[in-house]
Amino acid sequence: MAQPVSNSPVSNSESAAFDLAGPIDRAIDEAEHGKVIYLHRRQQQKVAVMPAELAHEALAALEDANDVATMAAADGEPRRPFEDVARELGV
């Protein structure tokens, strides 16, 4: 009797051997020791696994940079007292 043909490039028996837990666990272990691990697809960096504290610091730095850029863009605009703005907003 003929075996059913699968449209998938990997048959069920082969896919069971394809386990991402090992590489992901190794990347997490490396990140826990302060390393940044880059995951690639088609020879391009797509994802970084890094220590959580480093990610928090990077996001905080981006927020700070955005605040500075916003303030720099506002330079030259007329300034208004906070009380006037608060009154207009009903605060």
PDB file of N, CA and C in Angstrom:
ATOM      1  N   MET A   1       0.838  -1.166   0.000  1.00  0.00           N
ATOM      2  CA  MET A   1       0.000   0.000   0.000  1.00  0.00           C
ATOM      3  C   MET A   1       0.890   1.239   0.000  1.00  0.00           C
ATOM      4  N   ALA A   2       0.528   2.255  -0.774  1.00  0.00           N
ATOM      5  CA  ALA A   2       1.328   3.472  -0.900  1.00  0.00           C
ATOM      6  C   ALA A   2       1.132   4.360   0.318  1.00  0.00           C
ATOM      7  N   GLN A   3       2.225   5.028   0.716  1.00  0.00           N
ATOM      8  CA  GLN A   3       2.179   5.972   1.833  1.00  0.00           C
ATOM      9  C   GLN A   3       1.552   7.285   1.352  1.00  0.00           C
ATOM     10  N   PRO A   4       0.755   7.940   2.213  1.00  0.00           N
ATOM     11  CA  PRO A   4       0.210   9.236   1.811  1.00  0.00           C
ATOM     12  C   PRO A   4       1.337  10.239   1.573  1.00  0.00           C
ATOM     13  N   VAL A   5       1.157  11.095   0.609  1.00  0.00           N
ATOM     14  CA  VAL A   5       2.151  12.111   0.277  1.00  0.00           C
ATOM     15  C   VAL A   5       1.818  13.371   1.062  1.00  0.00           C
ATOM     16  N   SER A   6       2.819  13.915   1.688  1.00  0.00           N
ATOM     17  CA  SER A   6       2.640  15.128   2.473  1.00  0.00           C
ATOM     18  C   SER A   6       3.119  16.321   1.667  1.00  0.00           C
ATOM     19  N   ASN A   7       2.398  17.427   1.744  1.00  0.00           N
ATOM     20  CA  ASN A   7       2.843  18.666   1.101  1.00  0.00           C
ATOM     21  C   ASN A   7       3.895  19.378   1.926  1.00  0.00           C
ATOM     22  N   SER A   8       4.068  18.948   3.148  1.00  0.00           N
ATOM     23  CA  SER A   8       5.041  19.559   4.031  1.00  0.00           C
ATOM     24  C   SER A   8       6.439  19.100   3.653  1.00  0.00           C
ATOM     25  N   PRO A   9       7.431  20.005   3.723  1.00  0.00           N
ATOM     26  CA  PRO A   9       8.804  19.598   3.410  1.00  0.00           C
ATOM     27  C   PRO A   9       9.395  18.662   4.453  1.00  0.00           C
ATOM     28  N   VAL A  10       8.745  18.568   5.616  1.00  0.00           N
ATOM     29  CA  VAL A  10       9.237  17.698   6.681  1.00  0.00           C
ATOM     30  C   VAL A  10       8.109  16.756   7.063  1.00  0.00           C
ATOM     31  N   SER A  11       8.394  15.472   7.056  1.00  0.00           N
ATOM     32  CA  SER A  11       7.361  14.525   7.443  1.00  0.00           C
ATOM     33  C   SER A  11       7.196  14.523   8.952  1.00  0.00           C
ATOM     34  N   ASN A  12       6.135  13.917   9.428  1.00  0.00           N
ATOM     35  CA  ASN A  12       5.877  13.895  10.873  1.00  0.00           C
ATOM     36  C   ASN A  12       7.014  13.243  11.641  1.00  0.00           C
ATOM     37  N   SER A  13       7.593  12.184  11.101  1.00  0.00           N
ATOM     38  CA  SER A  13       8.668  11.512  11.826  1.00  0.00           C
ATOM     39  C   SER A  13       9.911  12.392  11.909  1.00  0.00           C
ATOM     40  N   GLU A  14      10.162  13.189  10.873  1.00  0.00           N
ATOM     41  CA  GLU A  14      11.318  14.082  10.905  1.00  0.00           C
ATOM     42  C   GLU A  14      11.066  15.298  11.795  1.00  0.00           C
ATOM     43  N   SER A  15       9.848  15.811  11.818  1.00  0.00           N
ATOM     44  CA  SER A  15       9.578  17.016  12.584  1.00  0.00           C
ATOM     45  C   SER A  15       9.720  16.770  14.080  1.00  0.00           C
ATOM     46  N   ALA A  16       9.524  15.553  14.525  1.00  0.00           N
ATOM     47  CA  ALA A  16       9.664  15.260  15.952  1.00  0.00           C
ATOM     48  C   ALA A  16      11.103  15.477  16.407  1.00  0.00           C
ATOM     49  N   ALA A  17      12.074  15.316  15.497  1.00  0.00           N
ATOM     50  CA  ALA A  17      13.478  15.483  15.852  1.00  0.00           C
ATOM     51  C   ALA A  17      13.887  16.952  15.848  1.00  0.00           C
ATOM     52  N   PHE A  18      13.062  17.810  15.268  1.00  0.00           N
ATOM     53  CA  PHE A  18      13.379  19.231  15.182  1.00  0.00           C
ATOM     54  C   PHE A  18      12.863  19.914  16.436  1.00  0.00           C
ATOM     55  N   ASP A  19      13.740  20.089  17.412  1.00  0.00           N
ATOM     56  CA  ASP A  19      13.364  20.621  18.714  1.00  0.00           C
ATOM     57  C   ASP A  19      14.100  21.927  18.961  1.00  0.00           C
ATOM     58  N   LEU A  20      13.352  23.023  19.114  1.00  0.00           N
ATOM     59  CA  LEU A  20      13.970  24.323  19.351  1.00  0.00           C
ATOM     60  C   LEU A  20      14.308  24.570  20.807  1.00  0.00           C
ATOM     61  N   ALA A  21      13.831  23.719  21.695  1.00  0.00           N
ATOM     62  CA  ALA A  21      14.053  23.950  23.122  1.00  0.00           C
ATOM     63  C   ALA A  21      15.544  24.019  23.453  1.00  0.00           C
ATOM     64  N   GLY A  22      16.349  23.167  22.871  1.00  0.00           N
ATOM     65  CA  GLY A  22      17.781  23.157  23.159  1.00  0.00           C
ATOM     66  C   GLY A  22      18.460  24.468  22.817  1.00  0.00           C
ATOM     67  N   PRO A  23      18.367  24.938  21.560  1.00  0.00           N
ATOM     68  CA  PRO A  23      19.006  26.209  21.212  1.00  0.00           C
ATOM     69  C   PRO A  23      18.440  27.396  21.980  1.00  0.00           C
ATOM     70  N   ILE A  24      17.142  27.406  22.215  1.00  0.00           N
ATOM     71  CA  ILE A  24      16.545  28.514  22.964  1.00  0.00           C
ATOM     72  C   ILE A  24      17.037  28.495  24.403  1.00  0.00           C
ATOM     73  N   ASP A  25      17.084  27.318  25.001  1.00  0.00           N
ATOM     74  CA  ASP A  25      17.598  27.213  26.371  1.00  0.00           C
ATOM     75  C   ASP A  25      19.047  27.679  26.454  1.00  0.00           C
ATOM     76  N   ARG A  26      19.856  27.323  25.462  1.00  0.00           N
ATOM     77  CA  ARG A  26      21.259  27.764  25.458  1.00  0.00           C
ATOM     78  C   ARG A  26      21.341  29.289  25.326  1.00  0.00           C
ATOM     79  N   ALA A  27      20.497  29.873  24.463  1.00  0.00           N
ATOM     80  CA  ALA A  27      20.500  31.331  24.298  1.00  0.00           C
ATOM     81  C   ALA A  27      20.093  32.016  25.603  1.00  0.00           C
ATOM     82  N   ILE A  28      19.092  31.472  26.273  1.00  0.00           N
ATOM     83  CA  ILE A  28      18.659  32.043  27.558  1.00  0.00           C
ATOM     84  C   ILE A  28      19.775  31.921  28.587  1.00  0.00           C
ATOM     85  N   ASP A  29      20.437  30.775  28.637  1.00  0.00           N
ATOM     86  CA  ASP A  29      21.549  30.592  29.573  1.00  0.00           C
ATOM     87  C   ASP A  29      22.646  31.621  29.321  1.00  0.00           C
ATOM     88  N   GLU A  30      22.985  31.846  28.052  1.00  0.00           N
ATOM     89  CA  GLU A  30      24.016  32.831  27.718  1.00  0.00           C
ATOM     90  C   GLU A  30      23.565  34.230  28.128  1.00  0.00           C
ATOM     91  N   ALA A  31      22.295  34.560  27.879  1.00  0.00           N
ATOM     92  CA  ALA A  31      21.770  35.883  28.251  1.00  0.00           C
ATOM     93  C   ALA A  31      21.796  36.079  29.758  1.00  0.00           C
ATOM     94  N   GLU A  32      21.525  35.023  30.505  1.00  0.00           N
ATOM     95  CA  GLU A  32      21.579  35.126  31.964  1.00  0.00           C
ATOM     96  C   GLU A  32      22.982  35.443  32.459  1.00  0.00           C
ATOM     97  N   HIS A  33      23.986  35.174  31.621  1.00  0.00           N
ATOM     98  CA  HIS A  33      25.373  35.476  31.982  1.00  0.00           C
ATOM     99  C   HIS A  33      25.849  36.770  31.326  1.00  0.00           C
ATOM    100  N   GLY A  34      24.894  37.603  30.895  1.00  0.00           N
ATOM    101  CA  GLY A  34      25.239  38.930  30.397  1.00  0.00           C
ATOM    102  C   GLY A  34      25.503  39.046  28.917  1.00  0.00           C
ATOM    103  N   LYS A  35      25.368  37.983  28.172  1.00  0.00           N
ATOM    104  CA  LYS A  35      25.652  38.034  26.738  1.00  0.00           C
ATOM    105  C   LYS A  35      24.389  38.365  25.947  1.00  0.00           C
ATOM    106  N   VAL A  36      24.596  39.020  24.814  1.00  0.00           N
ATOM    107  CA  VAL A  36      23.513  39.266  23.869  1.00  0.00           C
ATOM    108  C   VAL A  36      23.682  38.258  22.737  1.00  0.00           C
ATOM    109  N   ILE A  37      22.642  37.493  22.484  1.00  0.00           N
ATOM    110  CA  ILE A  37      22.668  36.455  21.452  1.00  0.00           C
ATOM    111  C   ILE A  37      21.775  36.907  20.312  1.00  0.00           C
ATOM    112  N   TYR A  38      22.312  36.933  19.097  1.00  0.00           N
ATOM    113  CA  TYR A  38      21.543  37.324  17.924  1.00  0.00           C
ATOM    114  C   TYR A  38      21.107  36.080  17.163  1.00  0.00           C
ATOM    115  N   LEU A  39      19.840  36.033  16.825  1.00  0.00           N
ATOM    116  CA  LEU A  39      19.312  34.945  16.016  1.00  0.00           C
ATOM    117  C   LEU A  39      19.191  35.449  14.583  1.00  0.00           C
ATOM    118  N   HIS A  40      19.613  34.604  13.648  1.00  0.00           N
ATOM    119  CA  HIS A  40      19.673  35.000  12.243  1.00  0.00           C
ATOM    120  C   HIS A  40      18.688  34.198  11.403  1.00  0.00           C
ATOM    121  N   ARG A  41      18.256  34.816  10.340  1.00  0.00           N
ATOM    122  CA  ARG A  41      17.509  34.119   9.294  1.00  0.00           C
ATOM    123  C   ARG A  41      18.066  34.637   7.976  1.00  0.00           C
ATOM    124  N   ARG A  42      18.438  33.712   7.138  1.00  0.00           N
ATOM    125  CA  ARG A  42      19.026  34.063   5.839  1.00  0.00           C
ATOM    126  C   ARG A  42      20.181  35.042   6.007  1.00  0.00           C
ATOM    127  N   GLN A  43      21.016  34.753   6.965  1.00  0.00           N
ATOM    128  CA  GLN A  43      22.249  35.495   7.247  1.00  0.00           C
ATOM    129  C   GLN A  43      22.004  36.949   7.648  1.00  0.00           C
ATOM    130  N   GLN A  44      20.825  37.232   8.184  1.00  0.00           N
ATOM    131  CA  GLN A  44      20.526  38.570   8.687  1.00  0.00           C
ATOM    132  C   GLN A  44      20.055  38.461  10.131  1.00  0.00           C
ATOM    133  N   GLN A  45      20.550  39.360  10.978  1.00  0.00           N
ATOM    134  CA  GLN A  45      20.101  39.376  12.366  1.00  0.00           C
ATOM    135  C   GLN A  45      18.627  39.744  12.407  1.00  0.00           C
ATOM    136  N   LYS A  46      17.855  38.920  13.097  1.00  0.00           N
ATOM    137  CA  LYS A  46      16.414  39.150  13.180  1.00  0.00           C
ATOM    138  C   LYS A  46      15.953  39.395  14.609  1.00  0.00           C
ATOM    139  N   VAL A  47      16.562  38.719  15.580  1.00  0.00           N
ATOM    140  CA  VAL A  47      16.110  38.780  16.965  1.00  0.00           C
ATOM    141  C   VAL A  47      17.333  38.766  17.870  1.00  0.00           C
ATOM    142  N   ALA A  48      17.214  39.480  18.989  1.00  0.00           N
ATOM    143  CA  ALA A  48      18.271  39.443  19.999  1.00  0.00           C
ATOM    144  C   ALA A  48      17.689  38.897  21.293  1.00  0.00           C
ATOM    145  N   VAL A  49      18.408  37.975  21.899  1.00  0.00           N
ATOM    146  CA  VAL A  49      18.067  37.477  23.232  1.00  0.00           C
ATOM    147  C   VAL A  49      19.096  38.102  24.161  1.00  0.00           C
ATOM    148  N   MET A  50      18.596  38.843  25.149  1.00  0.00           N
ATOM    149  CA  MET A  50      19.514  39.575  26.028  1.00  0.00           C
ATOM    150  C   MET A  50      19.008  39.530  27.455  1.00  0.00           C
ATOM    151  N   PRO A  51      19.876  39.875  28.397  1.00  0.00           N
ATOM    152  CA  PRO A  51      19.422  39.947  29.781  1.00  0.00           C
ATOM    153  C   PRO A  51      18.271  40.940  29.899  1.00  0.00           C
ATOM    154  N   ALA A  52      17.272  40.608  30.705  1.00  0.00           N
ATOM    155  CA  ALA A  52      16.099  41.461  30.851  1.00  0.00           C
ATOM    156  C   ALA A  52      16.485  42.857  31.331  1.00  0.00           C
ATOM    157  N   GLU A  53      17.430  42.952  32.264  1.00  0.00           N
ATOM    158  CA  GLU A  53      17.841  44.257  32.786  1.00  0.00           C
ATOM    159  C   GLU A  53      18.419  45.126  31.668  1.00  0.00           C
ATOM    160  N   LEU A  54      19.185  44.534  30.766  1.00  0.00           N
ATOM    161  CA  LEU A  54      19.739  45.282  29.646  1.00  0.00           C
ATOM    162  C   LEU A  54      18.617  45.773  28.732  1.00  0.00           C
ATOM    163  N   ALA A  55      17.615  44.956  28.507  1.00  0.00           N
ATOM    164  CA  ALA A  55      16.478  45.367  27.677  1.00  0.00           C
ATOM    165  C   ALA A  55      15.744  46.532  28.324  1.00  0.00           C
ATOM    166  N   HIS A  56      15.527  46.461  29.644  1.00  0.00           N
ATOM    167  CA  HIS A  56      14.859  47.559  30.355  1.00  0.00           C
ATOM    168  C   HIS A  56      15.674  48.845  30.242  1.00  0.00           C
ATOM    169  N   GLU A  57      16.984  48.737  30.412  1.00  0.00           N
ATOM    170  CA  GLU A  57      17.847  49.917  30.319  1.00  0.00           C
ATOM    171  C   GLU A  57      17.822  50.503  28.907  1.00  0.00           C
ATOM    172  N   ALA A  58      17.842  49.632  27.907  1.00  0.00           N
ATOM    173  CA  ALA A  58      17.824  50.100  26.519  1.00  0.00           C
ATOM    174  C   ALA A  58      16.513  50.812  26.207  1.00  0.00           C
ATOM    175  N   LEU A  59      15.404  50.264  26.663  1.00  0.00           N
ATOM    176  CA  LEU A  59      14.111  50.905  26.422  1.00  0.00           C
ATOM    177  C   LEU A  59      14.006  52.241  27.153  1.00  0.00           C
ATOM    178  N   ALA A  60      14.523  52.313  28.372  1.00  0.00           N
ATOM    179  CA  ALA A  60      14.516  53.574  29.115  1.00  0.00           C
ATOM    180  C   ALA A  60      15.365  54.619  28.396  1.00  0.00           C
ATOM    181  N   ALA A  61      16.515  54.209  27.865  1.00  0.00           N
ATOM    182  CA  ALA A  61      17.373  55.137  27.126  1.00  0.00           C
ATOM    183  C   ALA A  61      16.681  55.629  25.860  1.00  0.00           C
ATOM    184  N   LEU A  62      15.956  54.752  25.186  1.00  0.00           N
ATOM    185  CA  LEU A  62      15.209  55.173  24.000  1.00  0.00           C
ATOM    186  C   LEU A  62      14.116  56.176  24.359  1.00  0.00           C
ATOM    187  N   GLU A  63      13.433  55.938  25.465  1.00  0.00           N
ATOM    188  CA  GLU A  63      12.404  56.883  25.908  1.00  0.00           C
ATOM    189  C   GLU A  63      13.024  58.235  26.240  1.00  0.00           C
ATOM    190  N   ASP A  64      14.175  58.211  26.917  1.00  0.00           N
ATOM    191  CA  ASP A  64      14.859  59.460  27.246  1.00  0.00           C
ATOM    192  C   ASP A  64      15.276  60.200  25.971  1.00  0.00           C
ATOM    193  N   ALA A  65      15.813  59.469  25.009  1.00  0.00           N
ATOM    194  CA  ALA A  65      16.234  60.083  23.746  1.00  0.00           C
ATOM    195  C   ALA A  65      15.032  60.671  23.013  1.00  0.00           C
ATOM    196  N   ASN A  66      13.908  59.982  23.063  1.00  0.00           N
ATOM    197  CA  ASN A  66      12.696  60.492  22.434  1.00  0.00           C
ATOM    198  C   ASN A  66      12.238  61.777  23.116  1.00  0.00           C
ATOM    199  N   ASP A  67      12.319  61.814  24.456  1.00  0.00           N
ATOM    200  CA  ASP A  67      11.952  63.023  25.187  1.00  0.00           C
ATOM    201  C   ASP A  67      12.853  64.195  24.801  1.00  0.00           C
ATOM    202  N   VAL A  68      14.156  63.935  24.697  1.00  0.00           N
ATOM    203  CA  VAL A  68      15.100  64.988  24.326  1.00  0.00           C
ATOM    204  C   VAL A  68      14.803  65.476  22.907  1.00  0.00           C
ATOM    205  N   ALA A  69      14.515  64.555  21.993  1.00  0.00           N
ATOM    206  CA  ALA A  69      14.204  64.935  20.612  1.00  0.00           C
ATOM    207  C   ALA A  69      12.913  65.753  20.551  1.00  0.00           C
ATOM    208  N   THR A  70      11.937  65.378  21.361  1.00  0.00           N
ATOM    209  CA  THR A  70      10.678  66.124  21.402  1.00  0.00           C
ATOM    210  C   THR A  70      10.908  67.537  21.917  1.00  0.00           C
ATOM    211  N   MET A  71      11.719  67.664  22.963  1.00  0.00           N
ATOM    212  CA  MET A  71      12.018  68.989  23.508  1.00  0.00           C
ATOM    213  C   MET A  71      12.812  69.819  22.500  1.00  0.00           C
ATOM    214  N   ALA A  72      13.755  69.190  21.813  1.00  0.00           N
ATOM    215  CA  ALA A  72      14.550  69.913  20.818  1.00  0.00           C
ATOM    216  C   ALA A  72      13.661  70.391  19.674  1.00  0.00           C
ATOM    217  N   ALA A  73      12.694  69.587  19.273  1.00  0.00           N
ATOM    218  CA  ALA A  73      11.786  69.976  18.202  1.00  0.00           C
ATOM    219  C   ALA A  73      10.891  71.134  18.627  1.00  0.00           C
ATOM    220  N   ALA A  74      10.634  71.233  19.929  1.00  0.00           N
ATOM    221  CA  ALA A  74       9.771  72.293  20.444  1.00  0.00           C
ATOM    222  C   ALA A  74      10.522  73.603  20.629  1.00  0.00           C
ATOM    223  N   ASP A  75      11.838  73.591  20.565  1.00  0.00           N
ATOM    224  CA  ASP A  75      12.604  74.833  20.708  1.00  0.00           C
ATOM    225  C   ASP A  75      12.157  75.819  19.638  1.00  0.00           C
ATOM    226  N   GLY A  76      12.023  77.049  20.060  1.00  0.00           N
ATOM    227  CA  GLY A  76      11.595  78.079  19.133  1.00  0.00           C
ATOM    228  C   GLY A  76      10.088  78.291  19.143  1.00  0.00           C
ATOM    229  N   GLU A  77       9.347  77.338  19.707  1.00  0.00           N
ATOM    230  CA  GLU A  77       7.903  77.521  19.827  1.00  0.00           C
ATOM    231  C   GLU A  77       7.641  78.423  21.023  1.00  0.00           C
ATOM    232  N   PRO A  78       6.586  79.202  20.956  1.00  0.00           N
ATOM    233  CA  PRO A  78       6.288  80.075  22.094  1.00  0.00           C
ATOM    234  C   PRO A  78       5.983  79.276  23.346  1.00  0.00           C
ATOM    235  N   ARG A  79       6.495  79.724  24.462  1.00  0.00           N
ATOM    236  CA  ARG A  79       6.270  79.060  25.752  1.00  0.00           C
ATOM    237  C   ARG A  79       5.019  79.646  26.398  1.00  0.00           C
ATOM    238  N   ARG A  80       4.295  78.767  27.102  1.00  0.00           N
ATOM    239  CA  ARG A  80       3.113  79.211  27.823  1.00  0.00           C
ATOM    240  C   ARG A  80       3.212  78.735  29.255  1.00  0.00           C
ATOM    241  N   PRO A  81       2.778  79.538  30.196  1.00  0.00           N
ATOM    242  CA  PRO A  81       2.812  79.112  31.590  1.00  0.00           C
ATOM    243  C   PRO A  81       1.933  77.882  31.812  1.00  0.00           C
ATOM    244  N   PHE A  82       2.394  77.005  32.683  1.00  0.00           N
ATOM    245  CA  PHE A  82       1.655  75.781  32.982  1.00  0.00           C
ATOM    246  C   PHE A  82       0.234  76.094  33.445  1.00  0.00           C
ATOM    247  N   GLU A  83       0.094  77.137  34.232  1.00  0.00           N
ATOM    248  CA  GLU A  83      -1.229  77.490  34.784  1.00  0.00           C
ATOM    249  C   GLU A  83      -2.223  77.780  33.658  1.00  0.00           C
ATOM    250  N   ASP A  84      -1.762  78.439  32.594  1.00  0.00           N
ATOM    251  CA  ASP A  84      -2.661  78.731  31.466  1.00  0.00           C
ATOM    252  C   ASP A  84      -3.090  77.445  30.766  1.00  0.00           C
ATOM    253  N   VAL A  85      -2.156  76.560  30.550  1.00  0.00           N
ATOM    254  CA  VAL A  85      -2.472  75.289  29.893  1.00  0.00           C
ATOM    255  C   VAL A  85      -3.399  74.470  30.768  1.00  0.00           C
ATOM    256  N   ALA A  86      -3.113  74.389  32.066  1.00  0.00           N
ATOM    257  CA  ALA A  86      -3.932  73.621  32.996  1.00  0.00           C
ATOM    258  C   ALA A  86      -5.358  74.191  33.023  1.00  0.00           C
ATOM    259  N   ARG A  87      -5.497  75.506  33.010  1.00  0.00           N
ATOM    260  CA  ARG A  87      -6.818  76.136  33.028  1.00  0.00           C
ATOM    261  C   ARG A  87      -7.593  75.741  31.763  1.00  0.00           C
ATOM    262  N   GLU A  88      -6.916  75.782  30.608  1.00  0.00           N
ATOM    263  CA  GLU A  88      -7.570  75.407  29.347  1.00  0.00           C
ATOM    264  C   GLU A  88      -8.006  73.949  29.346  1.00  0.00           C
ATOM    265  N   LEU A  89      -7.223  73.096  29.990  1.00  0.00           N
ATOM    266  CA  LEU A  89      -7.551  71.669  30.037  1.00  0.00           C
ATOM    267  C   LEU A  89      -8.531  71.337  31.148  1.00  0.00           C
ATOM    268  N   GLY A  90      -8.807  72.311  32.005  1.00  0.00           N
ATOM    269  CA  GLY A  90      -9.738  72.080  33.125  1.00  0.00           C
ATOM    270  C   GLY A  90      -9.143  71.270  34.234  1.00  0.00           C
ATOM    271  N   VAL A  91      -7.841  71.378  34.402  1.00  0.00           N
ATOM    272  CA  VAL A  91      -7.158  70.615  35.450  1.00  0.00           C
ATOM    273  C   VAL A  91      -7.086  71.426  36.715  1.00  0.00           C
TER     274      VAL A  91
END
